[in-house]
Amino acid sequence: MKAAKMRDMSKEDLLLEEVELRKQMFKLRFQTATGQLQNASKIRGVRRDIARVLTILGEMETARQGK
């Protein structure tokens, strides 16, 4: 997901997105361990999406404290 689209989301939506991404990461890691993962680049993409969500949440917190 693009960062611009994430910035339009509310804090609650971003927190839910983070939970879903972490669940997806768990499933991908499980598939890797069992040898069923076909496309290993999905792990990298999900990891980056989690980082994007956390970065935007941090930006929101910083903006809130600055007011």
Protein backbone atom coordinates (compact mmCIF):
# COMPACT_ATOMS: atom_id res chain seq x y z
CA MET A 1 0.00 0.00 0.00
CA LYS A 2 1.23 3.49 -0.79
CA ALA A 3 2.20 5.85 2.01
CA ALA A 4 -0.05 8.60 0.61
CA LYS A 5 -3.06 6.33 0.93
CA MET A 6 -2.04 5.39 4.48
CA ARG A 7 -1.76 9.05 5.47
CA ASP A 8 -5.45 9.48 4.61
CA MET A 9 -6.41 6.74 7.07
CA SER A 10 -7.36 7.36 10.68
CA LYS A 11 -5.18 6.21 13.57
CA GLU A 12 -7.58 3.38 14.39
CA ASP A 13 -7.54 2.19 10.78
CA LEU A 14 -3.74 2.24 10.75
CA LEU A 15 -3.61 0.21 13.95
CA LEU A 16 -5.97 -2.36 12.41
CA GLU A 17 -3.85 -2.41 9.25
CA GLU A 18 -0.76 -3.09 11.35
CA VAL A 19 -2.46 -6.04 13.06
CA GLU A 20 -3.51 -7.49 9.70
CA LEU A 21 -0.02 -7.05 8.27
CA ARG A 22 1.54 -8.77 11.27
CA LYS A 23 -0.88 -11.69 10.84
CA GLN A 24 0.06 -11.88 7.18
CA MET A 25 3.77 -11.82 8.10
CA PHE A 26 3.23 -14.69 10.54
CA LYS A 27 1.54 -16.75 7.82
CA LEU A 28 4.33 -16.02 5.36
CA ARG A 29 6.99 -17.01 7.89
CA PHE A 30 5.09 -20.20 8.60
CA GLN A 31 4.93 -20.98 4.87
CA THR A 32 8.67 -20.34 4.62
CA ALA A 33 9.40 -22.73 7.48
CA THR A 34 7.29 -25.47 5.91
CA GLY A 35 8.69 -24.87 2.44
CA GLN A 36 5.37 -23.84 0.91
CA LEU A 37 6.16 -20.19 0.12
CA GLN A 38 6.30 -19.64 -3.64
CA ASN A 39 7.27 -15.96 -3.72
CA ALA A 40 9.77 -14.91 -1.06
CA SER A 41 9.57 -11.25 -2.05
CA LYS A 42 6.16 -11.04 -0.37
CA ILE A 43 7.90 -11.10 3.02
CA ARG A 44 9.94 -8.05 2.09
CA GLY A 45 6.84 -6.17 0.90
CA VAL A 46 4.85 -6.93 4.04
CA ARG A 47 7.79 -5.96 6.24
CA ARG A 48 8.05 -2.63 4.42
CA ASP A 49 4.30 -2.03 4.74
CA ILE A 50 4.55 -2.58 8.50
CA ALA A 51 7.40 -0.07 8.62
CA ARG A 52 5.31 2.44 6.64
CA VAL A 53 2.40 2.10 9.04
CA LEU A 54 4.66 2.54 12.05
CA THR A 55 6.34 5.57 10.47
CA ILE A 56 3.02 7.26 9.74
CA LEU A 57 1.76 6.50 13.25
CA GLY A 58 4.95 8.11 14.59
CA GLU A 59 4.41 11.16 12.37
CA MET A 60 0.86 11.49 13.69
CA GLU A 61 2.09 11.28 17.27
CA THR A 62 4.78 13.90 16.63
CA ALA A 63 2.26 16.22 14.98
CA ARG A 64 -0.13 15.77 17.89
CA GLN A 65 2.58 16.62 20.43
CA GLY A 66 3.64 19.67 18.41
CA LYS A 67 0.22 21.29 18.63
